[in-house]
Amino acid sequence: MIEKIETKAAPAAIGPYSQAVKAGGMVFASGQIPIDPATGNVVEGSAADQAKQVFRNINEVLKAAGTDITKVVKATVFLKSMDDFGAVNEVYAEAFKSSPVLPARSAVQVGKLPKDVQVEIEVIALA
């Protein structure tokens, strides 16, 4: 069975996709960008500032799916500039500080992200 995960505590999907999908004991969360769900606006500031909002959004999606950040097994970080890797990595480390095992991860620089943000992160977690 495939279950759609949706919460108003994170930004609504801005296209034909789900915030997350639960299937086979796993949660596959779509990439989150730094949109404040209360205003619908992109959070201004540095890549680190934007990464903090991204993790707030990820946490809300995972909560709606009945899981949490400590159950994340894979993360993919998309950066507008690899020059921001260090700053985003610090936010990433803080976000996963309570995880008994850090997730596997990829981090890549991309040409452009939705709404011209600096960072997008997607995760896969145990349900």
PDB file of N, CA and C in Angstrom:
ATOM      1  N   MET A   1       0.841  -1.176   0.000  1.00  0.00           N
ATOM      2  CA  MET A   1       0.000   0.000   0.000  1.00  0.00           C
ATOM      3  C   MET A   1       0.888   1.242   0.000  1.00  0.00           C
ATOM      4  N   ILE A   2       0.473   2.256  -0.704  1.00  0.00           N
ATOM      5  CA  ILE A   2       1.167   3.537  -0.759  1.00  0.00           C
ATOM      6  C   ILE A   2       0.263   4.578  -0.106  1.00  0.00           C
ATOM      7  N   GLU A   3       0.840   5.315   0.857  1.00  0.00           N
ATOM      8  CA  GLU A   3       0.082   6.335   1.588  1.00  0.00           C
ATOM      9  C   GLU A   3       0.673   7.712   1.322  1.00  0.00           C
ATOM     10  N   LYS A   4      -0.184   8.648   0.959  1.00  0.00           N
ATOM     11  CA  LYS A   4       0.237  10.031   0.759  1.00  0.00           C
ATOM     12  C   LYS A   4       0.384  10.694   2.125  1.00  0.00           C
ATOM     13  N   ILE A   5       1.483  11.409   2.323  1.00  0.00           N
ATOM     14  CA  ILE A   5       1.714  12.154   3.551  1.00  0.00           C
ATOM     15  C   ILE A   5       1.581  13.634   3.221  1.00  0.00           C
ATOM     16  N   GLU A   6       0.813  14.322   4.043  1.00  0.00           N
ATOM     17  CA  GLU A   6       0.562  15.738   3.796  1.00  0.00           C
ATOM     18  C   GLU A   6       0.366  16.452   5.122  1.00  0.00           C
ATOM     19  N   THR A   7       0.972  17.633   5.252  1.00  0.00           N
ATOM     20  CA  THR A   7       0.794  18.445   6.447  1.00  0.00           C
ATOM     21  C   THR A   7       0.801  19.919   6.081  1.00  0.00           C
ATOM     22  N   LYS A   8      -0.007  20.688   6.770  1.00  0.00           N
ATOM     23  CA  LYS A   8      -0.025  22.141   6.572  1.00  0.00           C
ATOM     24  C   LYS A   8       1.130  22.808   7.318  1.00  0.00           C
ATOM     25  N   ALA A   9       1.836  22.036   8.173  1.00  0.00           N
ATOM     26  CA  ALA A   9       2.960  22.567   8.945  1.00  0.00           C
ATOM     27  C   ALA A   9       4.237  22.672   8.109  1.00  0.00           C
ATOM     28  N   ALA A  10       4.175  22.206   6.867  1.00  0.00           N
ATOM     29  CA  ALA A  10       5.280  22.335   5.917  1.00  0.00           C
ATOM     30  C   ALA A  10       4.702  22.893   4.626  1.00  0.00           C
ATOM     31  N   PRO A  11       5.558  23.465   3.782  1.00  0.00           N
ATOM     32  CA  PRO A  11       5.045  24.038   2.529  1.00  0.00           C
ATOM     33  C   PRO A  11       4.309  23.003   1.682  1.00  0.00           C
ATOM     34  N   ALA A  12       3.225  23.441   1.094  1.00  0.00           N
ATOM     35  CA  ALA A  12       2.477  22.572   0.177  1.00  0.00           C
ATOM     36  C   ALA A  12       3.324  22.291  -1.056  1.00  0.00           C
ATOM     37  N   ALA A  13       3.079  21.171  -1.679  1.00  0.00           N
ATOM     38  CA  ALA A  13       3.765  20.837  -2.921  1.00  0.00           C
ATOM     39  C   ALA A  13       3.481  21.921  -3.961  1.00  0.00           C
ATOM     40  N   ILE A  14       4.505  22.329  -4.691  1.00  0.00           N
ATOM     41  CA  ILE A  14       4.322  23.381  -5.698  1.00  0.00           C
ATOM     42  C   ILE A  14       4.285  22.787  -7.104  1.00  0.00           C
ATOM     43  N   GLY A  15       3.878  21.537  -7.172  1.00  0.00           N
ATOM     44  CA  GLY A  15       3.775  20.848  -8.451  1.00  0.00           C
ATOM     45  C   GLY A  15       3.014  19.555  -8.261  1.00  0.00           C
ATOM     46  N   PRO A  16       3.016  18.714  -9.268  1.00  0.00           N
ATOM     47  CA  PRO A  16       2.280  17.452  -9.202  1.00  0.00           C
ATOM     48  C   PRO A  16       3.066  16.355  -8.474  1.00  0.00           C
ATOM     49  N   TYR A  17       3.209  16.514  -7.169  1.00  0.00           N
ATOM     50  CA  TYR A  17       3.894  15.532  -6.334  1.00  0.00           C
ATOM     51  C   TYR A  17       3.380  15.628  -4.901  1.00  0.00           C
ATOM     52  N   SER A  18       3.737  14.658  -4.078  1.00  0.00           N
ATOM     53  CA  SER A  18       3.342  14.630  -2.665  1.00  0.00           C
ATOM     54  C   SER A  18       4.490  15.141  -1.807  1.00  0.00           C
ATOM     55  N   GLN A  19       4.164  15.707  -0.641  1.00  0.00           N
ATOM     56  CA  GLN A  19       5.213  16.107   0.301  1.00  0.00           C
ATOM     57  C   GLN A  19       6.053  14.889   0.673  1.00  0.00           C
ATOM     58  N   ALA A  20       5.377  13.768   0.862  1.00  0.00           N
ATOM     59  CA  ALA A  20       6.059  12.497   1.142  1.00  0.00           C
ATOM     60  C   ALA A  20       5.105  11.361   0.825  1.00  0.00           C
ATOM     61  N   VAL A  21       5.693  10.176   0.692  1.00  0.00           N
ATOM     62  CA  VAL A  21       4.934   8.960   0.455  1.00  0.00           C
ATOM     63  C   VAL A  21       5.471   7.899   1.404  1.00  0.00           C
ATOM     64  N   LYS A  22       4.544   7.177   2.047  1.00  0.00           N
ATOM     65  CA  LYS A  22       4.928   6.069   2.919  1.00  0.00           C
ATOM     66  C   LYS A  22       4.589   4.772   2.194  1.00  0.00           C
ATOM     67  N   ALA A  23       5.587   3.882   2.108  1.00  0.00           N
ATOM     68  CA  ALA A  23       5.388   2.599   1.438  1.00  0.00           C
ATOM     69  C   ALA A  23       6.432   1.610   1.947  1.00  0.00           C
ATOM     70  N   GLY A  24       6.014   0.380   2.166  1.00  0.00           N
ATOM     71  CA  GLY A  24       6.944  -0.667   2.541  1.00  0.00           C
ATOM     72  C   GLY A  24       7.767  -0.367   3.782  1.00  0.00           C
ATOM     73  N   GLY A  25       7.185   0.302   4.748  1.00  0.00           N
ATOM     74  CA  GLY A  25       7.911   0.610   5.978  1.00  0.00           C
ATOM     75  C   GLY A  25       8.900   1.758   5.850  1.00  0.00           C
ATOM     76  N   MET A  26       8.817   2.485   4.748  1.00  0.00           N
ATOM     77  CA  MET A  26       9.734   3.603   4.496  1.00  0.00           C
ATOM     78  C   MET A  26       8.938   4.871   4.194  1.00  0.00           C
ATOM     79  N   VAL A  27       9.573   6.007   4.461  1.00  0.00           N
ATOM     80  CA  VAL A  27       9.008   7.305   4.108  1.00  0.00           C
ATOM     81  C   VAL A  27       9.964   7.968   3.121  1.00  0.00           C
ATOM     82  N   PHE A  28       9.432   8.318   1.975  1.00  0.00           N
ATOM     83  CA  PHE A  28      10.196   8.978   0.927  1.00  0.00           C
ATOM     84  C   PHE A  28       9.713  10.427   0.865  1.00  0.00           C
ATOM     85  N   ALA A  29      10.513  11.332   1.409  1.00  0.00           N
ATOM     86  CA  ALA A  29      10.112  12.739   1.465  1.00  0.00           C
ATOM     87  C   ALA A  29      10.644  13.488   0.252  1.00  0.00           C
ATOM     88  N   SER A  30       9.785  14.260  -0.366  1.00  0.00           N
ATOM     89  CA  SER A  30      10.212  15.109  -1.470  1.00  0.00           C
ATOM     90  C   SER A  30      11.190  16.155  -0.951  1.00  0.00           C
ATOM     91  N   GLY A  31      11.975  16.689  -1.860  1.00  0.00           N
ATOM     92  CA  GLY A  31      12.916  17.731  -1.474  1.00  0.00           C
ATOM     93  C   GLY A  31      12.190  18.914  -0.862  1.00  0.00           C
ATOM     94  N   GLN A  32      12.754  19.405   0.226  1.00  0.00           N
ATOM     95  CA  GLN A  32      12.208  20.582   0.893  1.00  0.00           C
ATOM     96  C   GLN A  32      13.107  21.775   0.599  1.00  0.00           C
ATOM     97  N   ILE A  33      12.476  22.893   0.312  1.00  0.00           N
ATOM     98  CA  ILE A  33      13.203  24.146   0.130  1.00  0.00           C
ATOM     99  C   ILE A  33      12.810  25.077   1.271  1.00  0.00           C
ATOM    100  N   PRO A  34      13.542  26.181   1.441  1.00  0.00           N
ATOM    101  CA  PRO A  34      13.319  27.047   2.599  1.00  0.00           C
ATOM    102  C   PRO A  34      12.126  27.989   2.479  1.00  0.00           C
ATOM    103  N   ILE A  35      10.961  27.392   2.368  1.00  0.00           N
ATOM    104  CA  ILE A  35       9.732  28.192   2.367  1.00  0.00           C
ATOM    105  C   ILE A  35       9.136  28.140   3.764  1.00  0.00           C
ATOM    106  N   ASP A  36       8.782  29.288   4.280  1.00  0.00           N
ATOM    107  CA  ASP A  36       8.083  29.376   5.560  1.00  0.00           C
ATOM    108  C   ASP A  36       6.620  29.040   5.278  1.00  0.00           C
ATOM    109  N   PRO A  37       6.102  27.923   5.840  1.00  0.00           N
ATOM    110  CA  PRO A  37       4.731  27.539   5.521  1.00  0.00           C
ATOM    111  C   PRO A  37       3.687  28.542   6.000  1.00  0.00           C
ATOM    112  N   ALA A  38       4.027  29.350   6.994  1.00  0.00           N
ATOM    113  CA  ALA A  38       3.076  30.346   7.502  1.00  0.00           C
ATOM    114  C   ALA A  38       2.861  31.487   6.514  1.00  0.00           C
ATOM    115  N   THR A  39       3.920  31.842   5.777  1.00  0.00           N
ATOM    116  CA  THR A  39       3.821  32.978   4.864  1.00  0.00           C
ATOM    117  C   THR A  39       3.826  32.558   3.391  1.00  0.00           C
ATOM    118  N   GLY A  40       4.372  31.365   3.121  1.00  0.00           N
ATOM    119  CA  GLY A  40       4.519  30.926   1.743  1.00  0.00           C
ATOM    120  C   GLY A  40       5.702  31.557   1.044  1.00  0.00           C
ATOM    121  N   ASN A  41       6.513  32.304   1.800  1.00  0.00           N
ATOM    122  CA  ASN A  41       7.661  32.994   1.222  1.00  0.00           C
ATOM    123  C   ASN A  41       8.962  32.244   1.496  1.00  0.00           C
ATOM    124  N   VAL A  42       9.919  32.428   0.606  1.00  0.00           N
ATOM    125  CA  VAL A  42      11.256  31.880   0.807  1.00  0.00           C
ATOM    126  C   VAL A  42      11.926  32.650   1.937  1.00  0.00           C
ATOM    127  N   VAL A  43      12.570  31.926   2.845  1.00  0.00           N
ATOM    128  CA  VAL A  43      13.319  32.546   3.934  1.00  0.00           C
ATOM    129  C   VAL A  43      14.562  33.198   3.342  1.00  0.00           C
ATOM    130  N   GLU A  44      14.748  34.456   3.636  1.00  0.00           N
ATOM    131  CA  GLU A  44      15.920  35.185   3.148  1.00  0.00           C
ATOM    132  C   GLU A  44      17.115  34.871   4.036  1.00  0.00           C
ATOM    133  N   GLY A  45      18.296  35.215   3.547  1.00  0.00           N
ATOM    134  CA  GLY A  45      19.496  35.032   4.340  1.00  0.00           C
ATOM    135  C   GLY A  45      20.472  34.098   3.672  1.00  0.00           C
ATOM    136  N   SER A  46      21.418  33.639   4.476  1.00  0.00           N
ATOM    137  CA  SER A  46      22.491  32.779   3.984  1.00  0.00           C
ATOM    138  C   SER A  46      21.982  31.375   3.676  1.00  0.00           C
ATOM    139  N   ALA A  47      22.839  30.588   3.072  1.00  0.00           N
ATOM    140  CA  ALA A  47      22.505  29.188   2.822  1.00  0.00           C
ATOM    141  C   ALA A  47      22.262  28.464   4.137  1.00  0.00           C
ATOM    142  N   ALA A  48      23.008  28.804   5.177  1.00  0.00           N
ATOM    143  CA  ALA A  48      22.801  28.194   6.498  1.00  0.00           C
ATOM    144  C   ALA A  48      21.427  28.564   7.049  1.00  0.00           C
ATOM    145  N   ASP A  49      21.044  29.836   6.912  1.00  0.00           N
ATOM    146  CA  ASP A  49      19.707  30.268   7.357  1.00  0.00           C
ATOM    147  C   ASP A  49      18.629  29.486   6.612  1.00  0.00           C
ATOM    148  N   GLN A  50      18.821  29.329   5.320  1.00  0.00           N
ATOM    149  CA  GLN A  50      17.848  28.596   4.520  1.00  0.00           C
ATOM    150  C   GLN A  50      17.834  27.119   4.899  1.00  0.00           C
ATOM    151  N   ALA A  51      18.982  26.539   5.194  1.00  0.00           N
ATOM    152  CA  ALA A  51      19.048  25.124   5.592  1.00  0.00           C
ATOM    153  C   ALA A  51      18.290  24.888   6.893  1.00  0.00           C
ATOM    154  N   LYS A  52      18.334  25.842   7.809  1.00  0.00           N
ATOM    155  CA  LYS A  52      17.588  25.707   9.074  1.00  0.00           C
ATOM    156  C   LYS A  52      16.093  25.586   8.801  1.00  0.00           C
ATOM    157  N   GLN A  53      15.572  26.395   7.876  1.00  0.00           N
ATOM    158  CA  GLN A  53      14.155  26.306   7.522  1.00  0.00           C
ATOM    159  C   GLN A  53      13.855  24.998   6.812  1.00  0.00           C
ATOM    160  N   VAL A  54      14.765  24.568   5.959  1.00  0.00           N
ATOM    161  CA  VAL A  54      14.591  23.286   5.274  1.00  0.00           C
ATOM    162  C   VAL A  54      14.428  22.172   6.299  1.00  0.00           C
ATOM    163  N   PHE A  55      15.262  22.155   7.328  1.00  0.00           N
ATOM    164  CA  PHE A  55      15.154  21.105   8.347  1.00  0.00           C
ATOM    165  C   PHE A  55      13.893  21.242   9.187  1.00  0.00           C
ATOM    166  N   ARG A  56      13.419  22.460   9.427  1.00  0.00           N
ATOM    167  CA  ARG A  56      12.117  22.614  10.104  1.00  0.00           C
ATOM    168  C   ARG A  56      11.033  21.952   9.258  1.00  0.00           C
ATOM    169  N   ASN A  57      11.065  22.183   7.954  1.00  0.00           N
ATOM    170  CA  ASN A  57      10.077  21.598   7.051  1.00  0.00           C
ATOM    171  C   ASN A  57      10.200  20.077   7.013  1.00  0.00           C
ATOM    172  N   ILE A  58      11.424  19.570   6.923  1.00  0.00           N
ATOM    173  CA  ILE A  58      11.637  18.122   6.920  1.00  0.00           C
ATOM    174  C   ILE A  58      11.079  17.500   8.194  1.00  0.00           C
ATOM    175  N   ASN A  59      11.370  18.113   9.327  1.00  0.00           N
ATOM    176  CA  ASN A  59      10.878  17.572  10.602  1.00  0.00           C
ATOM    177  C   ASN A  59       9.358  17.505  10.635  1.00  0.00           C
ATOM    178  N   GLU A  60       8.688  18.491  10.093  1.00  0.00           N
ATOM    179  CA  GLU A  60       7.217  18.493  10.076  1.00  0.00           C
ATOM    180  C   GLU A  60       6.667  17.409   9.158  1.00  0.00           C
ATOM    181  N   VAL A  61       7.286  17.220   8.016  1.00  0.00           N
ATOM    182  CA  VAL A  61       6.834  16.168   7.093  1.00  0.00           C
ATOM    183  C   VAL A  61       7.038  14.798   7.737  1.00  0.00           C
ATOM    184  N   LEU A  62       8.198  14.585   8.343  1.00  0.00           N
ATOM    185  CA  LEU A  62       8.458  13.306   9.004  1.00  0.00           C
ATOM    186  C   LEU A  62       7.485  13.074  10.155  1.00  0.00           C
ATOM    187  N   LYS A  63       7.197  14.109  10.912  1.00  0.00           N
ATOM    188  CA  LYS A  63       6.223  14.010  12.015  1.00  0.00           C
ATOM    189  C   LYS A  63       4.856  13.590  11.474  1.00  0.00           C
ATOM    190  N   ALA A  64       4.437  14.195  10.375  1.00  0.00           N
ATOM    191  CA  ALA A  64       3.148  13.843   9.770  1.00  0.00           C
ATOM    192  C   ALA A  64       3.119  12.391   9.319  1.00  0.00           C
ATOM    193  N   ALA A  65       4.293  11.851   8.996  1.00  0.00           N
ATOM    194  CA  ALA A  65       4.393  10.460   8.560  1.00  0.00           C
ATOM    195  C   ALA A  65       4.538   9.499   9.739  1.00  0.00           C
ATOM    196  N   GLY A  66       4.599  10.033  10.955  1.00  0.00           N
ATOM    197  CA  GLY A  66       4.714   9.193  12.137  1.00  0.00           C
ATOM    198  C   GLY A  66       6.132   8.747  12.438  1.00  0.00           C
ATOM    199  N   THR A  67       7.110   9.499  11.951  1.00  0.00           N
ATOM    200  CA  THR A  67       8.509   9.165  12.210  1.00  0.00           C
ATOM    201  C   THR A  67       9.257  10.439  12.570  1.00  0.00           C
ATOM    202  N   ASP A  68      10.570  10.375  12.622  1.00  0.00           N
ATOM    203  CA  ASP A  68      11.347  11.566  12.958  1.00  0.00           C
ATOM    204  C   ASP A  68      12.740  11.498  12.354  1.00  0.00           C
ATOM    205  N   ILE A  69      13.493  12.553  12.551  1.00  0.00           N
ATOM    206  CA  ILE A  69      14.810  12.716  11.927  1.00  0.00           C
ATOM    207  C   ILE A  69      15.787  11.611  12.323  1.00  0.00           C
ATOM    208  N   THR A  70      15.602  10.995  13.485  1.00  0.00           N
ATOM    209  CA  THR A  70      16.519   9.930  13.924  1.00  0.00           C
ATOM    210  C   THR A  70      16.341   8.659  13.113  1.00  0.00           C
ATOM    211  N   LYS A  71      15.291   8.582  12.307  1.00  0.00           N
ATOM    212  CA  LYS A  71      15.020   7.398  11.489  1.00  0.00           C
ATOM    213  C   LYS A  71      15.429   7.593  10.019  1.00  0.00           C
ATOM    214  N   VAL A  72      16.042   8.741   9.719  1.00  0.00           N
ATOM    215  CA  VAL A  72      16.474   9.004   8.348  1.00  0.00           C
ATOM    216  C   VAL A  72      17.658   8.103   8.013  1.00  0.00           C
ATOM    217  N   VAL A  73      17.552   7.417   6.864  1.00  0.00           N
ATOM    218  CA  VAL A  73      18.620   6.513   6.428  1.00  0.00           C
ATOM    219  C   VAL A  73      19.407   7.066   5.237  1.00  0.00           C
ATOM    220  N   LYS A  74      18.824   8.034   4.525  1.00  0.00           N
ATOM    221  CA  LYS A  74      19.495   8.609   3.346  1.00  0.00           C
ATOM    222  C   LYS A  74      19.051  10.048   3.175  1.00  0.00           C
ATOM    223  N   ALA A  75      20.004  10.913   2.912  1.00  0.00           N
ATOM    224  CA  ALA A  75      19.712  12.319   2.643  1.00  0.00           C
ATOM    225  C   ALA A  75      20.450  12.739   1.375  1.00  0.00           C
ATOM    226  N   THR A  76      19.816  13.603   0.614  1.00  0.00           N
ATOM    227  CA  THR A  76      20.458  14.192  -0.552  1.00  0.00           C
ATOM    228  C   THR A  76      20.354  15.701  -0.415  1.00  0.00           C
ATOM    229  N   VAL A  77      21.510  16.355  -0.481  1.00  0.00           N
ATOM    230  CA  VAL A  77      21.600  17.801  -0.326  1.00  0.00           C
ATOM    231  C   VAL A  77      21.933  18.395  -1.694  1.00  0.00           C
ATOM    232  N   PHE A  78      21.093  19.317  -2.133  1.00  0.00           N
ATOM    233  CA  PHE A  78      21.309  20.025  -3.390  1.00  0.00           C
ATOM    234  C   PHE A  78      21.692  21.465  -3.048  1.00  0.00           C
ATOM    235  N   LEU A  79      22.834  21.903  -3.540  1.00  0.00           N
ATOM    236  CA  LEU A  79      23.328  23.249  -3.249  1.00  0.00           C
ATOM    237  C   LEU A  79      23.438  24.070  -4.527  1.00  0.00           C
ATOM    238  N   LYS A  80      23.069  25.327  -4.423  1.00  0.00           N
ATOM    239  CA  LYS A  80      23.254  26.244  -5.544  1.00  0.00           C
ATOM    240  C   LYS A  80      24.754  26.463  -5.775  1.00  0.00           C
ATOM    241  N   SER A  81      25.522  26.496  -4.662  1.00  0.00           N
ATOM    242  CA  SER A  81      26.966  26.669  -4.748  1.00  0.00           C
ATOM    243  C   SER A  81      27.660  25.761  -3.744  1.00  0.00           C
ATOM    244  N   MET A  82      28.633  25.015  -4.196  1.00  0.00           N
ATOM    245  CA  MET A  82      29.399  24.158  -3.302  1.00  0.00           C
ATOM    246  C   MET A  82      30.203  24.990  -2.307  1.00  0.00           C
ATOM    247  N   ASP A  83      30.337  26.279  -2.553  1.00  0.00           N
ATOM    248  CA  ASP A  83      30.998  27.169  -1.590  1.00  0.00           C
ATOM    249  C   ASP A  83      30.235  27.227  -0.273  1.00  0.00           C
ATOM    250  N   ASP A  84      28.947  26.880  -0.288  1.00  0.00           N
ATOM    251  CA  ASP A  84      28.117  26.892   0.917  1.00  0.00           C
ATOM    252  C   ASP A  84      28.138  25.557   1.661  1.00  0.00           C
ATOM    253  N   PHE A  85      28.900  24.590   1.156  1.00  0.00           N
ATOM    254  CA  PHE A  85      28.909  23.252   1.747  1.00  0.00           C
ATOM    255  C   PHE A  85      29.238  23.282   3.242  1.00  0.00           C
ATOM    256  N   GLY A  86      30.275  23.980   3.628  1.00  0.00           N
ATOM    257  CA  GLY A  86      30.692  24.010   5.037  1.00  0.00           C
ATOM    258  C   GLY A  86      29.606  24.554   5.950  1.00  0.00           C
ATOM    259  N   ALA A  87      29.017  25.663   5.568  1.00  0.00           N
ATOM    260  CA  ALA A  87      27.976  26.283   6.401  1.00  0.00           C
ATOM    261  C   ALA A  87      26.738  25.403   6.490  1.00  0.00           C
ATOM    262  N   VAL A  88      26.330  24.827   5.377  1.00  0.00           N
ATOM    263  CA  VAL A  88      25.162  23.943   5.377  1.00  0.00           C
ATOM    264  C   VAL A  88      25.486  22.660   6.141  1.00  0.00           C
ATOM    265  N   ASN A  89      26.711  22.181   6.028  1.00  0.00           N
ATOM    266  CA  ASN A  89      27.127  20.977   6.732  1.00  0.00           C
ATOM    267  C   ASN A  89      27.018  21.160   8.253  1.00  0.00           C
ATOM    268  N   GLU A  90      27.320  22.352   8.760  1.00  0.00           N
ATOM    269  CA  GLU A  90      27.171  22.633  10.195  1.00  0.00           C
ATOM    270  C   GLU A  90      25.704  22.529  10.612  1.00  0.00           C
ATOM    271  N   VAL A  91      24.802  23.076   9.822  1.00  0.00           N
ATOM    272  CA  VAL A  91      23.364  22.987  10.111  1.00  0.00           C
ATOM    273  C   VAL A  91      22.920  21.530  10.034  1.00  0.00           C
ATOM    274  N   TYR A  92      23.406  20.824   9.042  1.00  0.00           N
ATOM    275  CA  TYR A  92      23.091  19.407   8.850  1.00  0.00           C
ATOM    276  C   TYR A  92      23.520  18.604  10.079  1.00  0.00           C
ATOM    277  N   ALA A  93      24.745  18.819  10.540  1.00  0.00           N
ATOM    278  CA  ALA A  93      25.258  18.097  11.715  1.00  0.00           C
ATOM    279  C   ALA A  93      24.395  18.369  12.940  1.00  0.00           C
ATOM    280  N   GLU A  94      23.988  19.595  13.122  1.00  0.00           N
ATOM    281  CA  GLU A  94      23.117  19.950  14.256  1.00  0.00           C
ATOM    282  C   GLU A  94      21.760  19.257  14.135  1.00  0.00           C
ATOM    283  N   ALA A  95      21.221  19.208  12.924  1.00  0.00           N
ATOM    284  CA  ALA A  95      19.910  18.589  12.712  1.00  0.00           C
ATOM    285  C   ALA A  95      19.930  17.101  13.047  1.00  0.00           C
ATOM    286  N   PHE A  96      21.055  16.445  12.825  1.00  0.00           N
ATOM    287  CA  PHE A  96      21.150  15.002  13.038  1.00  0.00           C
ATOM    288  C   PHE A  96      21.895  14.632  14.327  1.00  0.00           C
ATOM    289  N   LYS A  97      22.094  15.602  15.222  1.00  0.00           N
ATOM    290  CA  LYS A  97      22.906  15.341  16.421  1.00  0.00           C
ATOM    291  C   LYS A  97      22.323  14.253  17.327  1.00  0.00           C
ATOM    292  N   SER A  98      21.024  14.036  17.303  1.00  0.00           N
ATOM    293  CA  SER A  98      20.420  13.012  18.169  1.00  0.00           C
ATOM    294  C   SER A  98      20.280  11.660  17.471  1.00  0.00           C
ATOM    295  N   SER A  99      20.695  11.575  16.224  1.00  0.00           N
ATOM    296  CA  SER A  99      20.590  10.315  15.491  1.00  0.00           C
ATOM    297  C   SER A  99      21.672   9.341  15.951  1.00  0.00           C
ATOM    298  N   PRO A 100      21.274   8.118  16.300  1.00  0.00           N
ATOM    299  CA  PRO A 100      22.277   7.137  16.738  1.00  0.00           C
ATOM    300  C   PRO A 100      23.222   6.719  15.610  1.00  0.00           C
ATOM    301  N   VAL A 101      22.728   6.769  14.375  1.00  0.00           N
ATOM    302  CA  VAL A 101      23.533   6.482  13.191  1.00  0.00           C
ATOM    303  C   VAL A 101      23.237   7.586  12.181  1.00  0.00           C
ATOM    304  N   LEU A 102      24.282   8.237  11.709  1.00  0.00           N
ATOM    305  CA  LEU A 102      24.064   9.280  10.715  1.00  0.00           C
ATOM    306  C   LEU A 102      23.643   8.656   9.391  1.00  0.00           C
ATOM    307  N   PRO A 103      22.738   9.328   8.671  1.00  0.00           N
ATOM    308  CA  PRO A 103      22.284   8.761   7.395  1.00  0.00           C
ATOM    309  C   PRO A 103      23.384   8.784   6.341  1.00  0.00           C
ATOM    310  N   ALA A 104      23.254   7.906   5.372  1.00  0.00           N
ATOM    311  CA  ALA A 104      24.074   8.011   4.174  1.00  0.00           C
ATOM    312  C   ALA A 104      23.691   9.323   3.502  1.00  0.00           C
ATOM    313  N   ARG A 105      24.635   9.928   2.762  1.00  0.00           N
ATOM    314  CA  ARG A 105      24.334  11.244   2.199  1.00  0.00           C
ATOM    315  C   ARG A 105      25.070  11.479   0.899  1.00  0.00           C
ATOM    316  N   SER A 106      24.421  12.231   0.043  1.00  0.00           N
ATOM    317  CA  SER A 106      25.052  12.790  -1.151  1.00  0.00           C
ATOM    318  C   SER A 106      24.863  14.295  -1.070  1.00  0.00           C
ATOM    319  N   ALA A 107      25.834  15.041  -1.575  1.00  0.00           N
ATOM    320  CA  ALA A 107      25.710  16.497  -1.652  1.00  0.00           C
ATOM    321  C   ALA A 107      26.236  16.915  -3.016  1.00  0.00           C
ATOM    322  N   VAL A 108      25.422  17.648  -3.741  1.00  0.00           N
ATOM    323  CA  VAL A 108      25.801  18.057  -5.093  1.00  0.00           C
ATOM    324  C   VAL A 108      25.456  19.514  -5.339  1.00  0.00           C
ATOM    325  N   GLN A 109      26.241  20.132  -6.196  1.00  0.00           N
ATOM    326  CA  GLN A 109      25.923  21.472  -6.671  1.00  0.00           C
ATOM    327  C   GLN A 109      25.082  21.326  -7.924  1.00  0.00           C
ATOM    328  N   VAL A 110      24.023  22.134  -8.006  1.00  0.00           N
ATOM    329  CA  VAL A 110      23.139  22.090  -9.167  1.00  0.00           C
ATOM    330  C   VAL A 110      23.082  23.460  -9.833  1.00  0.00           C
ATOM    331  N   GLY A 111      22.634  23.488 -11.066  1.00  0.00           N
ATOM    332  CA  GLY A 111      22.576  24.732 -11.816  1.00  0.00           C
ATOM    333  C   GLY A 111      21.585  25.730 -11.253  1.00  0.00           C
ATOM    334  N   LYS A 112      20.423  25.235 -10.839  1.00  0.00           N
ATOM    335  CA  LYS A 112      19.387  26.124 -10.313  1.00  0.00           C
ATOM    336  C   LYS A 112      18.404  25.282  -9.531  1.00  0.00           C
ATOM    337  N   LEU A 113      17.852  25.879  -8.466  1.00  0.00           N
ATOM    338  CA  LEU A 113      16.851  25.210  -7.638  1.00  0.00           C
ATOM    339  C   LEU A 113      15.530  25.967  -7.728  1.00  0.00           C
ATOM    340  N   PRO A 114      14.413  25.307  -7.374  1.00  0.00           N
ATOM    341  CA  PRO A 114      13.119  25.993  -7.417  1.00  0.00           C
ATOM    342  C   PRO A 114      13.151  27.300  -6.618  1.00  0.00           C
ATOM    343  N   LYS A 115      12.510  28.293  -7.163  1.00  0.00           N
ATOM    344  CA  LYS A 115      12.404  29.617  -6.537  1.00  0.00           C
ATOM    345  C   LYS A 115      13.773  30.242  -6.280  1.00  0.00           C
ATOM    346  N   ASP A 116      14.781  29.743  -6.983  1.00  0.00           N
ATOM    347  CA  ASP A 116      16.154  30.248  -6.905  1.00  0.00           C
ATOM    348  C   ASP A 116      16.722  30.214  -5.480  1.00  0.00           C
ATOM    349  N   VAL A 117      16.328  29.192  -4.696  1.00  0.00           N
ATOM    350  CA  VAL A 117      16.844  29.061  -3.330  1.00  0.00           C
ATOM    351  C   VAL A 117      18.283  28.547  -3.377  1.00  0.00           C
ATOM    352  N   GLN A 118      18.933  28.560  -2.228  1.00  0.00           N
ATOM    353  CA  GLN A 118      20.328  28.146  -2.143  1.00  0.00           C
ATOM    354  C   GLN A 118      20.508  26.674  -1.774  1.00  0.00           C
ATOM    355  N   VAL A 119      19.452  26.064  -1.180  1.00  0.00           N
ATOM    356  CA  VAL A 119      19.579  24.680  -0.733  1.00  0.00           C
ATOM    357  C   VAL A 119      18.233  23.973  -0.789  1.00  0.00           C
ATOM    358  N   GLU A 120      18.283  22.701  -1.149  1.00  0.00           N
ATOM    359  CA  GLU A 120      17.125  21.796  -1.096  1.00  0.00           C
ATOM    360  C   GLU A 120      17.631  20.466  -0.546  1.00  0.00           C
ATOM    361  N   ILE A 121      16.845  19.846   0.319  1.00  0.00           N
ATOM    362  CA  ILE A 121      17.238  18.560   0.903  1.00  0.00           C
ATOM    363  C   ILE A 121      16.063  17.604   0.848  1.00  0.00           C
ATOM    364  N   GLU A 122      16.349  16.367   0.416  1.00  0.00           N
ATOM    365  CA  GLU A 122      15.350  15.302   0.438  1.00  0.00           C
ATOM    366  C   GLU A 122      15.874  14.188   1.330  1.00  0.00           C
ATOM    367  N   VAL A 123      14.940  13.463   1.946  1.00  0.00           N
ATOM    368  CA  VAL A 123      15.330  12.370   2.840  1.00  0.00           C
ATOM    369  C   VAL A 123      14.469  11.136   2.618  1.00  0.00           C
ATOM    370  N   ILE A 124      15.042  10.003   3.009  1.00  0.00           N
ATOM    371  CA  ILE A 124      14.326   8.735   3.076  1.00  0.00           C
ATOM    372  C   ILE A 124      14.477   8.242   4.513  1.00  0.00           C
ATOM    373  N   ALA A 125      13.365   7.831   5.132  1.00  0.00           N
ATOM    374  CA  ALA A 125      13.404   7.427   6.534  1.00  0.00           C
ATOM    375  C   ALA A 125      12.620   6.141   6.757  1.00  0.00           C
ATOM    376  N   LEU A 126      12.934   5.469   7.844  1.00  0.00           N
ATOM    377  CA  LEU A 126      12.131   4.350   8.287  1.00  0.00           C
ATOM    378  C   LEU A 126      10.807   4.898   8.807  1.00  0.00           C
ATOM    379  N   ALA A 127       9.729   4.215   8.537  1.00  0.00           N
ATOM    380  CA  ALA A 127       8.403   4.685   8.991  1.00  0.00           C
ATOM    381  C   ALA A 127       8.246   4.403  10.471  1.00  0.00           C
TER     382      ALA A 127
END
